[in-house]
């Protein structure tokens, strides 16, 4: 089919290429280049199964409905079934389809479909309950099945099996996803897997449009990540008080507890970060007048607490979305159409929900899977006009910084684990985390019991800016001129202008910092090039040196190892050696050396 025919197929139904927002620069009244390219690929091959991987915000809905319109018009199919992850998304699909003349029933549950409809919109959970109902529909009439965010069909064995049973007879199947990778090895129905040179089978997409390509085309916004660290203090179940700095090398459990301490609304970290994010929103709204902000929370209690903080900080009420029910769906729609500043939501509002004016985000959840992170950031990247930027505030947690630095990395779903057990898969997270990330409802998950502890206090420190795989800036106190320099970056910039501006601001800060002698400069004011960087290997060496020194002092003093370590913690402060920072370990080494010298 000629390209012109593809474009006319879409334009004849008045389909906005950027539904539900306005088209970005250069795309009005026609399909985006990737959408047209994907259409041409499909129409040339006319496959029964087609997997399109396109970065969140690129316009998968437009591509799918354009194709559906063509297949219906040419009588290749007689009806359409859309399968979406959530209730809100199935309604969103029905609304989008109605705009181009395809009527889908989002309330369908059983029985004959009214003649006014050309198909249905259902959820994966709904298919899981009644697979034979949908199989019968596919057998009775030629059906196109659109599987939105197809990775959800691998969430559980029952969902995957239900999709296979329900849609095996379908005439055509179109699978869509913005994040094809999963942390588990559950096969995704109707997805082809190809074995690589390493013997691992990976998903094979028929058409891929990644974030890097979309950014170059002006289809998505460039994302500026603003990372915040700070000192945390909490009490463990055993009654020990632990102090640590977010972002410094520590055990996995300590990272988790420091992270949760930061996100506790009763500390100072969250108020400081929300205040900074609100200032950033004010700056962004100078160029994007209706720009909105979203906090993604871990649970209902935290979401309510964050909404209260936003009210106290800004004087304005935040829209609160607690679960994927009818009321929540209406609140999302109302926020999308308003010019209100803030929305606070729990978990799965982060996937697929289209609120094109969202430009500022706060990642205030402890979910650390690459899939969830990519979907969460995807809520802020949809471009409506050229030059818009997105800003996402993060805690300084190693996994999150890695994901932020790898925004442009394209990954496929691996069906097999690496052959060598010693090879660590950096994207392999626990199955429990994946289940948590893909929850459809906001039920009580017992997450609070995962690490039993009590958050005592927290403070925020502006740490760095991450953009396009590079890092800029130096640590600074909240409210300082250094922090304000980055919060004040204009909201309308081309990607290369963002890079240039960040380089200039960093150079200015380093020049300002160099005017002070090191002995007069607070560590927070030192530029990155003069701040001590402690690697994991160096931390191991410091712990080894401390243990060696303690071992030598055991023979000199006659005291047991445990007694000496306890005395060091009492005198120097801080957590056990396994969770101590580099500075705390060095302080203890110096103290043991001091004790040993006195005994000679």
Protein backbone atom coordinates (compact mmCIF):
# COMPACT_ATOMS: atom_id res chain seq x y z
CA UNK A 1 0.00 0.00 0.00
CA UNK A 2 1.50 3.40 -0.95
CA UNK A 3 2.48 5.75 1.86
CA UNK A 4 -0.01 8.35 0.66
CA UNK A 5 -2.83 5.84 1.04
CA UNK A 6 -1.73 5.10 4.59
CA UNK A 7 -1.76 8.78 5.48
CA UNK A 8 -5.13 9.32 3.85
CA UNK A 9 -6.56 6.33 5.72
CA UNK A 10 -5.79 8.13 8.94
CA UNK A 11 -6.72 11.64 7.87
CA UNK A 12 -10.04 10.49 6.43
CA UNK A 13 -11.09 9.64 9.99
CA UNK A 14 -9.70 12.88 11.45
CA UNK A 15 -7.32 11.05 13.79
CA UNK A 16 -5.06 13.33 15.79
CA UNK A 17 -1.50 11.99 15.48
CA UNK A 18 -0.84 12.95 19.07
CA UNK A 19 -4.10 11.81 20.65
CA UNK A 20 -5.18 12.85 23.17
CA UNK A 21 -2.90 15.90 23.05
CA UNK A 22 -1.86 18.26 20.30
CA UNK A 23 0.63 17.15 17.70
CA UNK A 24 4.24 18.28 18.18
CA UNK A 25 5.97 20.51 15.69
CA UNK A 26 6.02 19.20 12.12
CA UNK A 27 3.41 16.43 12.54
CA UNK A 28 0.05 18.17 12.14
CA UNK A 29 -2.52 16.52 9.84
CA UNK A 30 -0.43 13.42 9.11
CA UNK A 31 1.00 10.35 10.76
CA UNK A 32 4.33 10.64 12.46
CA UNK A 33 7.18 9.09 10.50
CA UNK A 34 7.44 6.04 12.79
CA UNK A 35 3.68 5.43 12.67
CA UNK A 36 3.70 5.58 8.90
CA UNK A 37 6.79 3.37 8.78
CA UNK A 38 5.12 0.80 11.03
CA UNK A 39 1.96 0.92 8.91
CA UNK A 40 3.94 0.34 5.73
CA UNK A 41 5.82 -2.57 7.32
CA UNK A 42 2.53 -4.16 8.40
CA UNK A 43 0.70 -3.66 5.12
CA UNK A 44 3.61 -5.03 3.09
CA UNK A 45 3.81 -8.24 5.14
CA UNK A 46 0.15 -8.58 6.29
CA UNK A 47 1.18 -10.83 9.24
CA UNK A 48 -1.24 -12.52 11.59
CA UNK A 49 0.86 -11.39 14.59
CA UNK A 50 2.68 -8.06 14.80
CA UNK A 51 4.62 -6.69 17.80
CA UNK A 52 5.21 -2.92 17.84
CA UNK A 53 7.54 -1.58 20.52
CA UNK A 54 7.32 2.20 20.86
CA UNK A 55 8.54 4.33 23.73
CA UNK A 56 5.86 5.69 26.11
CA UNK A 57 4.38 8.89 24.71
CA UNK A 58 5.23 8.10 21.07
CA UNK A 59 1.63 7.46 19.99
CA UNK A 60 0.98 3.70 20.02
CA UNK A 61 -2.77 4.29 20.28
CA UNK A 62 -2.78 6.35 17.08
CA UNK A 63 -0.85 3.69 15.16
CA UNK A 64 -3.08 0.87 16.40
CA UNK A 65 -6.36 2.65 15.63
CA UNK A 66 -5.14 3.77 12.22
CA UNK A 67 -4.37 0.14 11.43
CA UNK A 68 -7.69 -1.01 12.87
CA UNK A 69 -9.50 1.53 10.69
CA UNK A 70 -7.71 0.26 7.57
CA UNK A 71 -8.40 -3.41 8.35
CA UNK A 72 -12.10 -2.71 8.99
CA UNK A 73 -12.42 -0.54 5.88
CA UNK A 74 -10.84 -3.26 3.68
CA UNK A 75 -12.96 -6.01 5.31
CA UNK A 76 -9.90 -7.91 6.52
CA UNK A 77 -11.63 -7.98 9.92
CA UNK A 78 -15.20 -7.38 11.03
CA UNK A 79 -14.68 -6.40 14.65
CA UNK A 80 -12.03 -5.20 17.10
CA UNK A 81 -11.18 -6.32 20.64
CA UNK A 82 -8.84 -4.12 22.67
CA UNK A 83 -7.26 -5.65 25.79
CA UNK A 84 -5.78 -3.12 28.25
CA UNK A 85 -4.13 -3.44 31.69
CA UNK A 86 -6.64 -1.34 33.67
CA UNK A 87 -10.25 -0.18 33.77
CA UNK A 88 -9.19 3.42 33.15
CA UNK A 89 -7.15 2.48 30.09
CA UNK A 90 -9.91 0.43 28.46
CA UNK A 91 -12.21 3.48 28.72
CA UNK A 92 -9.42 5.65 27.35
CA UNK A 93 -9.13 3.31 24.34
CA UNK A 94 -12.91 3.44 23.73
CA UNK A 95 -12.83 7.25 23.78
CA UNK A 96 -9.88 7.34 21.36
CA UNK A 97 -11.56 4.89 18.98
CA UNK A 98 -14.81 6.89 19.04
CA UNK A 99 -12.92 9.94 17.78
CA UNK A 100 -12.17 8.17 14.51
CA UNK A 101 -15.55 6.47 14.12
CA UNK A 102 -14.80 3.07 15.70
CA UNK A 103 -17.31 2.39 18.47
CA UNK A 104 -16.00 0.05 21.20
CA UNK A 105 -18.04 -1.01 24.23
CA UNK A 106 -15.89 -0.55 27.38
CA UNK A 107 -18.64 -1.98 29.63
CA UNK A 108 -19.06 -5.30 27.80
CA UNK A 109 -19.29 -8.32 30.11
CA UNK A 110 -21.24 -11.08 28.31
CA UNK A 111 -23.84 -11.95 25.69
CA UNK A 112 -24.42 -10.54 22.18
CA UNK A 113 -22.85 -7.17 21.43
CA UNK A 114 -25.17 -4.32 20.46
CA UNK A 115 -25.12 -3.67 16.70
CA UNK A 116 -24.06 -0.06 17.27
CA UNK A 117 -20.62 -1.27 18.37
CA UNK A 118 -17.76 -2.56 16.21
CA UNK A 119 -16.00 -4.22 19.10
CA UNK A 120 -15.17 -4.21 22.80
CA UNK A 121 -12.51 -2.89 25.18
CA UNK A 122 -11.69 -5.22 28.08
CA UNK A 123 -8.95 -5.79 30.66
CA UNK A 124 -6.47 -8.69 30.93
CA UNK A 125 -8.13 -9.57 34.24
CA UNK A 126 -11.51 -9.68 32.49
CA UNK A 127 -10.18 -12.04 29.84
CA UNK A 128 -8.69 -14.17 32.61
CA UNK A 129 -12.13 -14.62 34.16
CA UNK A 130 -13.98 -15.57 30.94
CA UNK A 131 -11.57 -16.63 28.17
CA UNK A 132 -14.13 -18.82 26.36
CA UNK A 133 -16.52 -15.85 25.97
CA UNK A 134 -13.86 -13.99 23.96
CA UNK A 135 -12.81 -17.11 22.06
CA UNK A 136 -16.39 -17.60 20.89
CA UNK A 137 -16.53 -13.99 19.70
CA UNK A 138 -13.31 -14.48 17.71
CA UNK A 139 -14.67 -17.69 16.15
CA UNK A 140 -17.97 -16.10 15.15
CA UNK A 141 -16.54 -13.06 13.35
CA UNK A 142 -13.16 -12.11 11.89
CA UNK A 143 -11.47 -10.22 14.74
CA UNK A 144 -8.50 -7.88 15.21
CA UNK A 145 -7.22 -8.17 18.77
CA UNK A 146 -5.12 -5.23 20.03
CA UNK A 147 -3.12 -6.29 23.09
CA UNK A 148 -2.06 -3.05 24.79
CA UNK A 149 1.06 -3.28 26.99
CA UNK A 150 1.33 -6.96 26.06
CA UNK A 151 3.93 -7.63 28.79
CA UNK A 152 0.98 -7.78 31.22
CA UNK A 153 -0.12 -11.03 29.59
CA UNK A 154 2.95 -12.57 31.20
CA UNK A 155 2.05 -11.30 34.69
CA UNK A 156 0.65 -14.64 35.74
CA UNK A 157 0.32 -18.07 34.25
CA UNK A 158 -3.48 -17.78 34.33
CA UNK A 159 -3.52 -14.49 32.36
CA UNK A 160 -1.13 -15.82 29.75
CA UNK A 161 -3.06 -19.05 29.32
CA UNK A 162 -6.37 -17.14 29.18
CA UNK A 163 -5.06 -14.87 26.39
CA UNK A 164 -3.82 -17.87 24.43
CA UNK A 165 -7.17 -19.63 24.80
CA UNK A 166 -9.28 -16.55 24.08
CA UNK A 167 -7.43 -15.15 21.07
CA UNK A 168 -5.87 -18.17 19.37
CA UNK A 169 -8.66 -18.09 16.69
CA UNK A 170 -8.30 -14.31 16.04
CA UNK A 171 -7.78 -13.29 12.42
CA UNK A 172 -5.17 -10.65 13.32
CA UNK A 173 -3.33 -9.84 16.57
CA UNK A 174 -1.50 -6.55 17.18
CA UNK A 175 0.68 -6.48 20.30
CA UNK A 176 1.83 -3.12 21.67
CA UNK A 177 4.29 -2.20 24.41
CA UNK A 178 6.54 0.62 25.48
CA UNK A 179 8.53 -1.65 27.81
CA UNK A 180 8.89 -5.18 26.44
CA UNK A 181 11.38 -6.31 29.08
CA UNK A 182 10.28 -8.21 32.18
CA UNK A 183 12.24 -9.33 35.21
CA UNK A 184 10.84 -12.85 35.09
CA UNK A 185 10.92 -15.47 32.34
CA UNK A 186 7.18 -15.96 31.83
CA UNK A 187 6.63 -16.17 28.05
CA UNK A 188 4.39 -13.46 26.60
CA UNK A 189 1.59 -14.85 24.37
CA UNK A 190 1.75 -14.20 20.60
CA UNK A 191 5.30 -12.80 20.88
CA UNK A 192 8.08 -14.40 18.82
CA UNK A 193 11.38 -15.20 20.54
CA UNK A 194 14.71 -15.58 18.78
CA UNK A 195 17.82 -17.20 20.23
CA UNK A 196 20.92 -15.01 20.34
CA UNK A 197 24.58 -15.99 20.13
CA UNK A 198 24.61 -16.34 23.91
CA UNK A 199 21.91 -19.02 23.79
CA UNK A 200 19.29 -16.75 25.37
CA UNK A 201 15.94 -16.34 23.64
CA UNK A 202 14.71 -12.74 23.46
CA UNK A 203 11.54 -11.13 22.19
CA UNK A 204 11.69 -10.09 18.54
CA UNK A 205 9.73 -6.94 17.66
CA UNK A 206 8.40 -6.38 14.15
CA UNK A 207 8.84 -2.61 14.56
CA UNK A 208 10.77 -0.71 17.23
CA UNK A 209 10.75 3.02 17.96
CA UNK A 210 12.92 3.81 20.97
CA UNK A 211 13.18 6.85 23.21
CA UNK A 212 16.41 8.02 21.53
CA UNK A 213 14.79 8.06 18.09
CA UNK A 214 11.64 9.70 19.44
CA UNK A 215 13.70 12.40 21.17
CA UNK A 216 15.57 13.14 17.94
CA UNK A 217 12.26 13.45 16.08
CA UNK A 218 10.79 15.82 18.67
CA UNK A 219 8.03 13.30 19.46
CA UNK A 220 8.95 13.07 23.16
CA UNK A 221 10.39 15.55 25.63
CA UNK A 222 13.96 15.45 26.90
CA UNK A 223 13.96 14.42 30.58
CA UNK A 224 15.99 16.26 33.21
CA UNK A 225 16.44 14.11 36.34
CA UNK A 226 17.09 16.02 39.57
CA UNK A 227 18.57 13.74 42.23
CA UNK A 228 18.43 14.41 45.98
CA UNK A 229 20.51 12.71 48.68
CA UNK A 230 20.79 13.60 52.38
CA UNK A 231 21.36 12.18 55.85
CA UNK A 232 18.88 9.58 57.11
CA UNK A 233 18.40 8.11 60.59
CA UNK A 234 16.18 5.19 61.53
CA UNK A 235 15.68 2.55 64.22
CA UNK A 236 15.80 -1.14 63.31
CA UNK A 237 13.58 -3.89 64.68
CA UNK A 238 16.43 -4.82 67.03
CA UNK A 239 16.37 -1.31 68.47
CA UNK A 240 19.62 -0.12 66.87
CA UNK A 241 19.71 3.45 65.57
CA UNK A 242 21.37 3.70 62.18
CA UNK A 243 22.50 6.85 60.39
CA UNK A 244 23.49 6.84 56.73
CA UNK A 245 23.73 9.17 53.78
CA UNK A 246 21.49 8.33 50.85
CA UNK A 247 23.64 7.48 47.85
CA UNK A 248 26.73 6.29 49.73
CA UNK A 249 27.78 2.64 49.33
CA UNK A 250 25.91 0.40 51.79
CA UNK A 251 24.18 -2.96 51.98
CA UNK A 252 20.98 -3.61 49.99
CA UNK A 253 18.89 -3.69 53.18
CA UNK A 254 20.42 -0.41 54.37
CA UNK A 255 19.72 1.22 50.98
CA UNK A 256 16.08 0.10 51.22
CA UNK A 257 15.68 1.45 54.74
CA UNK A 258 17.44 4.75 54.01
CA UNK A 259 15.22 5.11 50.91
CA UNK A 260 12.04 4.49 52.91
CA UNK A 261 13.24 6.94 55.58
CA UNK A 262 13.65 9.60 52.88
CA UNK A 263 10.10 9.00 51.62
CA UNK A 264 8.57 9.27 55.10
CA UNK A 265 6.36 12.38 55.01
CA UNK A 266 7.17 13.16 58.66
CA UNK A 267 10.83 13.86 57.88
CA UNK A 268 12.36 16.84 56.10
CA UNK A 269 13.38 15.07 52.86
CA UNK A 270 9.94 14.90 51.22
CA UNK A 271 8.86 18.46 52.13
CA UNK A 272 12.17 19.80 50.76
CA UNK A 273 11.87 17.84 47.51
CA UNK A 274 8.19 18.73 47.04
CA UNK A 275 9.03 22.40 47.65
CA UNK A 276 11.81 22.20 45.02
CA UNK A 277 9.52 20.39 42.57
CA UNK A 278 6.84 23.05 43.02
CA UNK A 279 9.42 25.77 42.29
CA UNK A 280 10.44 23.83 39.19
CA UNK A 281 6.77 23.62 38.14
CA UNK A 282 6.41 27.39 38.50
CA UNK A 283 9.41 27.88 36.19
CA UNK A 284 8.12 25.34 33.66
CA UNK A 285 4.68 27.01 33.59
CA UNK A 286 6.30 30.20 32.28
CA UNK A 287 6.70 28.33 28.98
CA UNK A 288 3.97 25.70 29.41
CA UNK A 289 1.11 27.56 31.15
CA UNK A 290 -0.99 24.47 31.92
CA UNK A 291 1.92 22.22 33.02
CA UNK A 292 1.05 19.82 35.82
CA UNK A 293 3.01 17.75 38.33
CA UNK A 294 2.55 14.20 39.60
CA UNK A 295 3.83 12.45 42.73
CA UNK A 296 3.96 8.65 42.37
CA UNK A 297 3.56 7.22 45.88
CA UNK A 298 4.09 3.71 47.27
CA UNK A 299 0.82 3.35 49.17
CA UNK A 300 -2.41 5.10 50.14
CA UNK A 301 -1.20 6.45 53.49
CA UNK A 302 1.88 8.02 51.90
CA UNK A 303 -0.20 9.49 49.08
CA UNK A 304 -2.57 11.16 51.55
CA UNK A 305 0.38 12.51 53.56
CA UNK A 306 2.03 13.91 50.39
CA UNK A 307 -1.22 15.59 49.33
CA UNK A 308 -1.40 17.23 52.76
CA UNK A 309 2.21 18.44 52.42
CA UNK A 310 1.48 19.92 48.99
CA UNK A 311 -1.51 21.79 50.45
CA UNK A 312 0.72 23.19 53.22
CA UNK A 313 3.56 24.12 50.82
CA UNK A 314 1.55 25.60 47.96
CA UNK A 315 -1.75 26.60 49.54
CA UNK A 316 -3.53 24.63 46.80
CA UNK A 317 -5.26 21.26 47.00
CA UNK A 318 -3.75 18.32 45.11
CA UNK A 319 -5.89 15.82 43.18
CA UNK A 320 -5.62 12.50 45.03
CA UNK A 321 -5.93 9.22 43.08
CA UNK A 322 -5.83 6.18 45.33
CA UNK A 323 -6.97 3.26 43.20
CA UNK A 324 -8.08 2.18 39.77
CA UNK A 325 -11.83 2.59 40.35
CA UNK A 326 -14.49 4.64 38.58
CA UNK A 327 -14.02 7.61 40.89
CA UNK A 328 -10.26 7.60 40.35
CA UNK A 329 -10.74 7.49 36.58
CA UNK A 330 -13.00 10.53 36.74
CA UNK A 331 -10.50 12.41 38.92
CA UNK A 332 -7.72 11.69 36.41
CA UNK A 333 -9.89 12.98 33.56
CA UNK A 334 -10.85 16.11 35.49
CA UNK A 335 -7.20 16.83 36.33
CA UNK A 336 -6.18 16.25 32.69
CA UNK A 337 -8.70 18.84 31.47
CA UNK A 338 -8.00 21.40 34.21
CA UNK A 339 -5.03 23.66 34.88
CA UNK A 340 -4.53 22.44 38.47
CA UNK A 341 -0.91 22.12 39.54
CA UNK A 342 -0.59 18.81 41.43
CA UNK A 343 -1.81 15.23 41.36
CA UNK A 344 -0.75 12.48 43.82
CA UNK A 345 -1.31 8.88 42.76
CA UNK A 346 -0.41 5.34 43.73
CA UNK A 347 1.48 2.93 41.50
CA UNK A 348 -0.40 2.02 38.35
CA UNK A 349 -1.45 5.53 37.40
CA UNK A 350 2.16 5.51 36.25
CA UNK A 351 1.37 3.27 33.28
CA UNK A 352 -0.52 4.19 30.16
CA UNK A 353 -2.56 7.02 31.67
CA UNK A 354 -2.45 9.97 29.29
CA UNK A 355 -2.28 13.37 30.95
CA UNK A 356 -0.23 15.19 28.28
CA UNK A 357 0.27 18.33 30.39
CA UNK A 358 2.25 16.46 33.09
CA UNK A 359 5.76 17.91 32.92
CA UNK A 360 7.13 17.55 36.48
CA UNK A 361 7.30 14.32 38.46
CA UNK A 362 8.38 13.14 41.89
CA UNK A 363 9.35 9.46 42.08
CA UNK A 364 8.29 8.77 45.67
CA UNK A 365 7.96 4.99 45.56
CA UNK A 366 10.36 2.20 46.54
CA UNK A 367 9.62 0.13 43.43
CA UNK A 368 12.94 -0.38 41.65
CA UNK A 369 12.24 -2.43 38.51
CA UNK A 370 13.34 -1.02 35.14
CA UNK A 371 9.86 -1.74 33.74
CA UNK A 372 8.05 0.34 36.36
CA UNK A 373 10.62 3.15 36.19
CA UNK A 374 10.32 3.43 32.40
CA UNK A 375 6.53 3.46 32.56
CA UNK A 376 6.56 6.05 35.36
CA UNK A 377 8.88 8.39 33.45
CA UNK A 378 6.74 7.79 30.37
CA UNK A 379 3.94 9.81 32.01
CA UNK A 380 5.99 13.01 31.58
CA UNK A 381 7.56 12.68 28.13
CA UNK A 382 4.58 13.11 25.79
CA UNK A 383 5.40 16.13 23.63
CA UNK A 384 2.65 18.49 22.52
CA UNK A 385 4.85 21.13 20.92
CA UNK A 386 8.50 21.49 20.17
CA UNK A 387 10.81 22.56 22.99
CA UNK A 388 8.91 21.21 26.00
CA UNK A 389 11.05 19.55 28.67
CA UNK A 390 10.20 17.09 31.46
CA UNK A 391 11.68 17.18 34.98
CA UNK A 392 11.66 14.16 37.31
CA UNK A 393 12.84 14.34 40.94
CA UNK A 394 14.52 11.20 42.31
CA UNK A 395 16.13 9.99 45.54
CA UNK A 396 19.84 9.24 45.06
CA UNK A 397 19.45 5.47 44.87
CA UNK A 398 21.93 3.52 42.68
CA UNK A 399 19.29 1.53 40.74
CA UNK A 400 17.26 4.64 39.90
CA UNK A 401 20.34 6.59 38.79
CA UNK A 402 21.30 3.67 36.53
CA UNK A 403 17.83 3.60 34.94
CA UNK A 404 17.92 7.39 34.48
CA UNK A 405 21.30 7.19 32.76
CA UNK A 406 20.08 4.42 30.44
CA UNK A 407 16.87 6.02 29.20
CA UNK A 408 17.87 5.43 25.58
CA UNK A 409 18.90 1.79 25.98
CA UNK A 410 16.54 -0.51 24.08
CA UNK A 411 15.94 -3.89 25.72
CA UNK A 412 13.95 -7.00 24.84
CA UNK A 413 12.30 -9.59 27.05
CA UNK A 414 14.70 -12.45 27.79
CA UNK A 415 12.95 -15.80 28.05
CA UNK A 416 15.96 -17.59 29.53
CA UNK A 417 18.20 -16.83 32.48
CA UNK A 418 21.92 -16.30 31.76
CA UNK A 419 23.69 -19.65 31.41
CA UNK A 420 26.35 -18.88 34.01
CA UNK A 421 25.04 -18.42 37.51
CA UNK A 422 27.91 -16.05 38.26
CA UNK A 423 26.70 -13.62 35.58
CA UNK A 424 24.54 -11.07 37.30
CA UNK A 425 21.63 -9.68 35.29
CA UNK A 426 21.41 -5.96 36.20
CA UNK A 427 17.70 -5.92 35.31
CA UNK A 428 16.74 -9.09 37.21
CA UNK A 429 14.59 -8.02 40.15
CA UNK A 430 12.57 -10.20 42.46
CA UNK A 431 9.28 -11.64 41.25
CA UNK A 432 7.61 -9.94 44.20
CA UNK A 433 8.77 -6.52 42.97
CA UNK A 434 7.37 -7.21 39.51
CA UNK A 435 4.02 -8.25 40.97
CA UNK A 436 4.06 -5.07 43.05
CA UNK A 437 4.83 -2.92 40.02
CA UNK A 438 2.00 -4.40 38.02
CA UNK A 439 -0.74 -4.22 40.67
CA UNK A 440 -4.02 -3.02 39.16
CA UNK A 441 -5.65 -2.19 42.47
CA UNK A 442 -4.26 -0.27 45.40
CA UNK A 443 -4.79 -2.93 48.04
CA UNK A 444 -2.79 -3.20 51.25
CA UNK A 445 0.22 -5.29 50.23
CA UNK A 446 1.90 -5.56 53.60
CA UNK A 447 4.85 -3.70 52.09
CA UNK A 448 5.46 -1.98 55.42
CA UNK A 449 6.50 -5.31 56.95
CA UNK A 450 9.24 -5.92 54.39
CA UNK A 451 11.80 -4.07 56.49
CA UNK A 452 10.53 -3.51 60.00
CA UNK A 453 11.95 -0.21 61.15
CA UNK A 454 11.04 3.25 62.37
CA UNK A 455 12.05 6.35 60.41
CA UNK A 456 13.46 8.92 62.83
CA UNK A 457 14.67 11.86 60.76
CA UNK A 458 15.76 12.84 57.27
CA UNK A 459 17.15 15.83 55.46
CA UNK A 460 17.42 16.57 51.75
CA UNK A 461 20.51 17.65 49.86
CA UNK A 462 20.42 18.59 46.18
CA UNK A 463 22.84 16.06 44.70
CA UNK A 464 23.11 16.27 40.93
CA UNK A 465 21.30 16.57 37.59
CA UNK A 466 21.27 13.65 35.16
CA UNK A 467 20.61 14.29 31.50
CA UNK A 468 21.32 12.28 28.37
CA UNK A 469 23.59 9.85 30.22
CA UNK A 470 25.74 12.62 31.76
CA UNK A 471 25.79 14.13 35.26
CA UNK A 472 26.01 17.81 36.18
CA UNK A 473 26.21 19.94 39.28
CA UNK A 474 27.37 19.61 42.84
CA UNK A 475 25.70 19.01 46.15
CA UNK A 476 23.94 21.97 47.68
CA UNK A 477 21.56 22.76 50.51
CA UNK A 478 17.84 23.15 49.67
CA UNK A 479 17.04 26.78 49.00
CA UNK A 480 20.66 27.63 48.12
CA UNK A 481 21.61 29.63 45.05
CA UNK A 482 23.25 26.49 43.61
CA UNK A 483 19.98 24.53 43.79
CA UNK A 484 17.94 27.46 42.45
CA UNK A 485 20.25 27.62 39.44
CA UNK A 486 19.03 24.22 38.31
CA UNK A 487 15.40 24.62 39.35
CA UNK A 488 15.32 27.76 37.20
CA UNK A 489 16.23 26.07 33.91
CA UNK A 490 13.64 27.22 31.32
CA UNK A 491 10.81 24.80 30.55
CA UNK A 492 11.08 25.34 26.78
CA UNK A 493 14.42 24.18 25.37
CA UNK A 494 15.72 22.03 22.53
CA UNK A 495 17.63 18.90 23.67
CA UNK A 496 21.03 20.34 22.69
CA UNK A 497 20.17 23.59 24.49
CA UNK A 498 19.48 21.63 27.70
CA UNK A 499 22.93 20.05 27.48
CA UNK A 500 24.65 23.40 26.82
CA UNK A 501 22.82 25.16 29.63
CA UNK A 502 23.66 22.43 32.15
CA UNK A 503 27.33 22.58 31.17
CA UNK A 504 27.38 26.37 31.62
CA UNK A 505 25.70 26.23 35.04
CA UNK A 506 28.05 23.53 36.25
CA UNK A 507 31.08 25.49 35.08
CA UNK A 508 29.79 28.58 36.89
CA UNK A 509 29.29 26.66 40.13
CA UNK A 510 32.72 25.05 39.98
CA UNK A 511 34.33 28.43 39.35
CA UNK A 512 32.46 29.89 42.33
CA UNK A 513 33.44 26.97 44.56
CA UNK A 514 37.14 27.23 43.63
CA UNK A 515 37.32 30.69 45.14
CA UNK A 516 37.15 29.07 48.59
CA UNK A 517 40.04 27.09 50.06
CA UNK A 518 39.14 23.43 50.57
CA UNK A 519 39.56 23.70 54.32
CA UNK A 520 36.87 26.42 54.39
CA UNK A 521 34.45 24.67 52.06
CA UNK A 522 31.74 22.42 53.36
CA UNK A 523 31.74 19.03 51.61
CA UNK A 524 28.35 20.00 50.19
CA UNK A 525 29.94 22.95 48.41
CA UNK A 526 32.80 21.01 46.85
CA UNK A 527 32.43 20.36 43.10
CA UNK A 528 32.11 16.75 42.00
CA UNK A 529 35.73 16.64 40.81
CA UNK A 530 37.00 17.40 44.33
CA UNK A 531 34.53 15.29 46.30
CA UNK A 532 35.73 11.89 47.53
CA UNK A 533 34.27 9.05 45.48
CA UNK A 534 34.30 5.69 47.25
CA UNK A 535 33.82 2.60 45.12
CA UNK A 536 32.42 -0.70 46.33
CA UNK A 537 35.94 -2.15 46.17
CA UNK A 538 37.32 0.67 48.32
CA UNK A 539 34.54 0.10 50.87
CA UNK A 540 35.54 -3.56 51.10
CA UNK A 541 39.17 -2.53 51.61
CA UNK A 542 38.18 -0.11 54.40
CA UNK A 543 36.15 -2.79 56.19
CA UNK A 544 39.02 -5.26 55.78
CA UNK A 545 41.49 -2.72 57.20
CA UNK A 546 39.22 -2.01 60.17
CA UNK A 547 38.84 -5.73 60.91
CA UNK A 548 42.61 -6.19 60.67
CA UNK A 549 43.19 -3.30 63.07
CA UNK A 550 40.56 -4.63 65.49
CA UNK A 551 42.15 -8.11 65.24
CA UNK A 552 45.56 -6.68 66.17
CA UNK A 553 44.03 -4.73 69.06
CA UNK A 554 42.34 -7.93 70.32
CA UNK A 555 45.78 -9.44 71.01
CA UNK A 556 47.03 -6.21 72.55
CA UNK A 557 44.04 -5.54 74.82
CA UNK A 558 42.75 -9.03 75.50
CA UNK A 559 39.17 -7.89 74.68
CA UNK A 560 36.94 -9.88 72.27
CA UNK A 561 36.28 -8.59 68.72
CA UNK A 562 32.61 -7.88 69.44
CA UNK A 563 33.41 -5.79 72.51
CA UNK A 564 35.85 -3.63 70.56
CA UNK A 565 33.43 -3.08 67.64
CA UNK A 566 30.66 -2.14 70.10
CA UNK A 567 32.96 0.32 71.88
CA UNK A 568 33.96 1.86 68.53
CA UNK A 569 30.29 2.39 67.65
CA UNK A 570 29.63 3.91 71.06
CA UNK A 571 32.56 6.34 70.81
CA UNK A 572 32.38 7.19 67.10
CA UNK A 573 28.66 6.69 66.48
CA UNK A 574 27.02 5.12 63.48
CA UNK A 575 25.73 1.69 62.42
CA UNK A 576 27.48 -1.72 62.32
CA UNK A 577 30.53 -1.90 60.05
CA UNK A 578 28.57 -3.57 57.22
CA UNK A 579 26.32 -0.50 57.00
CA UNK A 580 28.81 2.23 57.97
CA UNK A 581 29.87 4.93 55.50
CA UNK A 582 33.46 5.38 54.32
CA UNK A 583 33.92 8.33 56.67
CA UNK A 584 32.65 6.35 59.65
CA UNK A 585 34.98 3.44 58.85
CA UNK A 586 37.99 5.76 58.58
CA UNK A 587 37.06 7.39 61.90
CA UNK A 588 36.97 3.98 63.60
CA UNK A 589 40.30 2.97 62.07
CA UNK A 590 41.87 6.16 63.44
CA UNK A 591 40.30 5.53 66.87
CA UNK A 592 41.67 1.94 67.06
CA UNK A 593 45.10 3.23 66.04
CA UNK A 594 44.86 5.86 68.80
CA UNK A 595 43.95 3.19 71.40
CA UNK A 596 46.76 0.90 70.26
CA UNK A 597 49.32 3.73 70.45
CA UNK A 598 48.31 4.55 74.04
CA UNK A 599 48.91 0.95 75.17
CA UNK A 600 52.48 0.78 73.87
